[in-house]
Protein backbone atom coordinates (compact mmCIF):
# COMPACT_ATOMS: atom_id res chain seq x y z
CA MET A 1 3.16 -45.66 -22.08
CA GLY A 2 3.55 -42.04 -20.77
CA HIS A 3 2.08 -40.91 -17.92
CA GLU A 4 -1.43 -40.41 -17.15
CA PRO A 5 -3.12 -36.84 -15.89
CA VAL A 6 -4.25 -37.57 -12.44
CA SER A 7 -7.87 -36.62 -12.05
CA GLY A 8 -8.82 -34.02 -9.46
CA GLY A 9 -5.87 -32.42 -8.93
CA GLY A 10 -7.48 -29.08 -10.09
CA LYS A 11 -9.61 -29.59 -7.02
CA VAL A 12 -6.64 -29.85 -4.54
CA VAL A 13 -4.84 -26.67 -5.88
CA VAL A 14 -8.49 -24.71 -5.35
CA GLY A 15 -8.79 -25.98 -1.94
CA ILE A 16 -5.46 -25.03 -0.82
CA LEU A 17 -5.70 -21.89 -2.31
CA THR A 18 -9.14 -21.04 -0.76
CA GLY A 19 -7.69 -22.13 3.04
CA ILE A 20 -4.81 -19.97 2.30
CA LEU A 21 -7.18 -17.08 1.28
CA LEU A 22 -9.29 -17.48 3.97
CA ALA A 23 -6.77 -17.90 6.49
CA TRP A 24 -5.36 -14.48 5.46
CA ALA A 25 -8.90 -12.67 5.63
CA MET A 26 -9.34 -13.83 8.75
CA THR A 27 -6.07 -12.57 10.29
CA ALA A 28 -6.73 -9.14 8.21
CA LEU A 29 -9.91 -8.93 9.74
CA SER A 30 -9.40 -9.60 13.66
CA GLY A 31 -6.25 -7.19 13.23
CA CYS A 32 -9.24 -4.30 13.52
CA SER A 33 -11.22 -5.97 15.99
CA GLY A 34 -9.28 -4.24 19.02
CA MET A 35 -9.40 -0.72 17.19
CA GLY A 36 -11.55 1.54 18.80
CA VAL A 37 -11.63 3.90 22.09
CA GLN A 38 -11.89 2.71 25.35
CA PRO A 39 -13.71 4.88 28.09
CA TRP A 40 -10.57 5.28 30.46
CA GLU A 41 -8.98 7.07 27.49
CA ARG A 42 -11.56 9.23 26.25
CA ASP A 43 -10.63 11.72 28.75
CA ILE A 44 -7.46 12.68 27.17
CA LEU A 45 -8.80 12.32 23.81
CA ALA A 46 -11.06 15.27 24.71
CA ARG A 47 -8.59 17.58 25.84
CA PRO A 48 -8.30 20.70 24.08
CA GLY A 49 -4.95 20.30 22.83
CA MET A 50 -5.93 16.99 21.14
CA GLN A 51 -8.79 18.74 19.08
CA VAL A 52 -8.46 19.29 15.27
CA ASP A 53 -8.61 23.29 16.12
CA PRO A 54 -7.73 23.70 19.79
CA ASP A 55 -9.05 27.57 19.82
CA PRO A 56 -11.12 28.35 16.94
CA VAL A 57 -11.50 32.15 18.19
CA VAL A 58 -7.91 32.44 17.97
CA THR A 59 -7.35 30.74 14.63
CA ALA A 60 -10.43 32.83 13.28
CA LEU A 61 -8.65 36.14 14.02
CA ASP A 62 -5.26 34.81 12.62
CA GLU A 63 -6.96 33.67 9.37
CA HIS A 64 -8.48 37.05 9.36
CA ILE A 65 -5.62 38.94 9.97
CA TYR A 66 -3.26 36.62 7.31
CA PHE A 67 -5.88 36.83 4.22
CA SER A 68 -5.91 41.21 4.95
CA LYS A 69 -2.47 41.04 4.82
CA GLU A 70 -1.73 38.91 2.01
CA GLY A 71 -4.77 41.12 -0.42
CA SER A 72 -6.47 37.48 -1.50
CA THR A 73 -8.60 34.86 0.43
CA GLY A 74 -6.46 32.02 -0.15
CA GLY A 75 -9.63 29.88 -0.23
CA LEU A 76 -10.96 30.84 2.99
CA GLY A 77 -14.45 30.81 1.76
CA THR A 78 -14.49 34.86 2.28
CA ALA A 79 -14.78 37.78 0.15
CA GLY A 80 -12.52 40.80 0.61
CA GLY A 81 -9.32 42.78 -0.76
CA GLY A 82 -6.34 43.60 0.82
CA CYS A 83 -7.88 46.63 2.71
CA GLY A 84 -9.52 44.22 5.41
CA CYS A 85 -12.82 45.64 5.07
CA ASN A 86 -15.37 42.54 3.84
């Protein structure tokens, strides 16, 4: 009378979920396999315009002028006031 519980039904669900998780992990990890710089791309990335700070001397001078005029250091790591004398 009534329905008998099927033994092993939970194992099937766990197996399906494990397979889905494994397939998802393999897809996600294979997406990162092609990342990297190829040898023929290195010359483009090494150009001065591609650098974070293409001209450090000009940037240092601009920052010096800015914090001298501003009258505060602005977290640049140097001490000084608005007079420009450090």
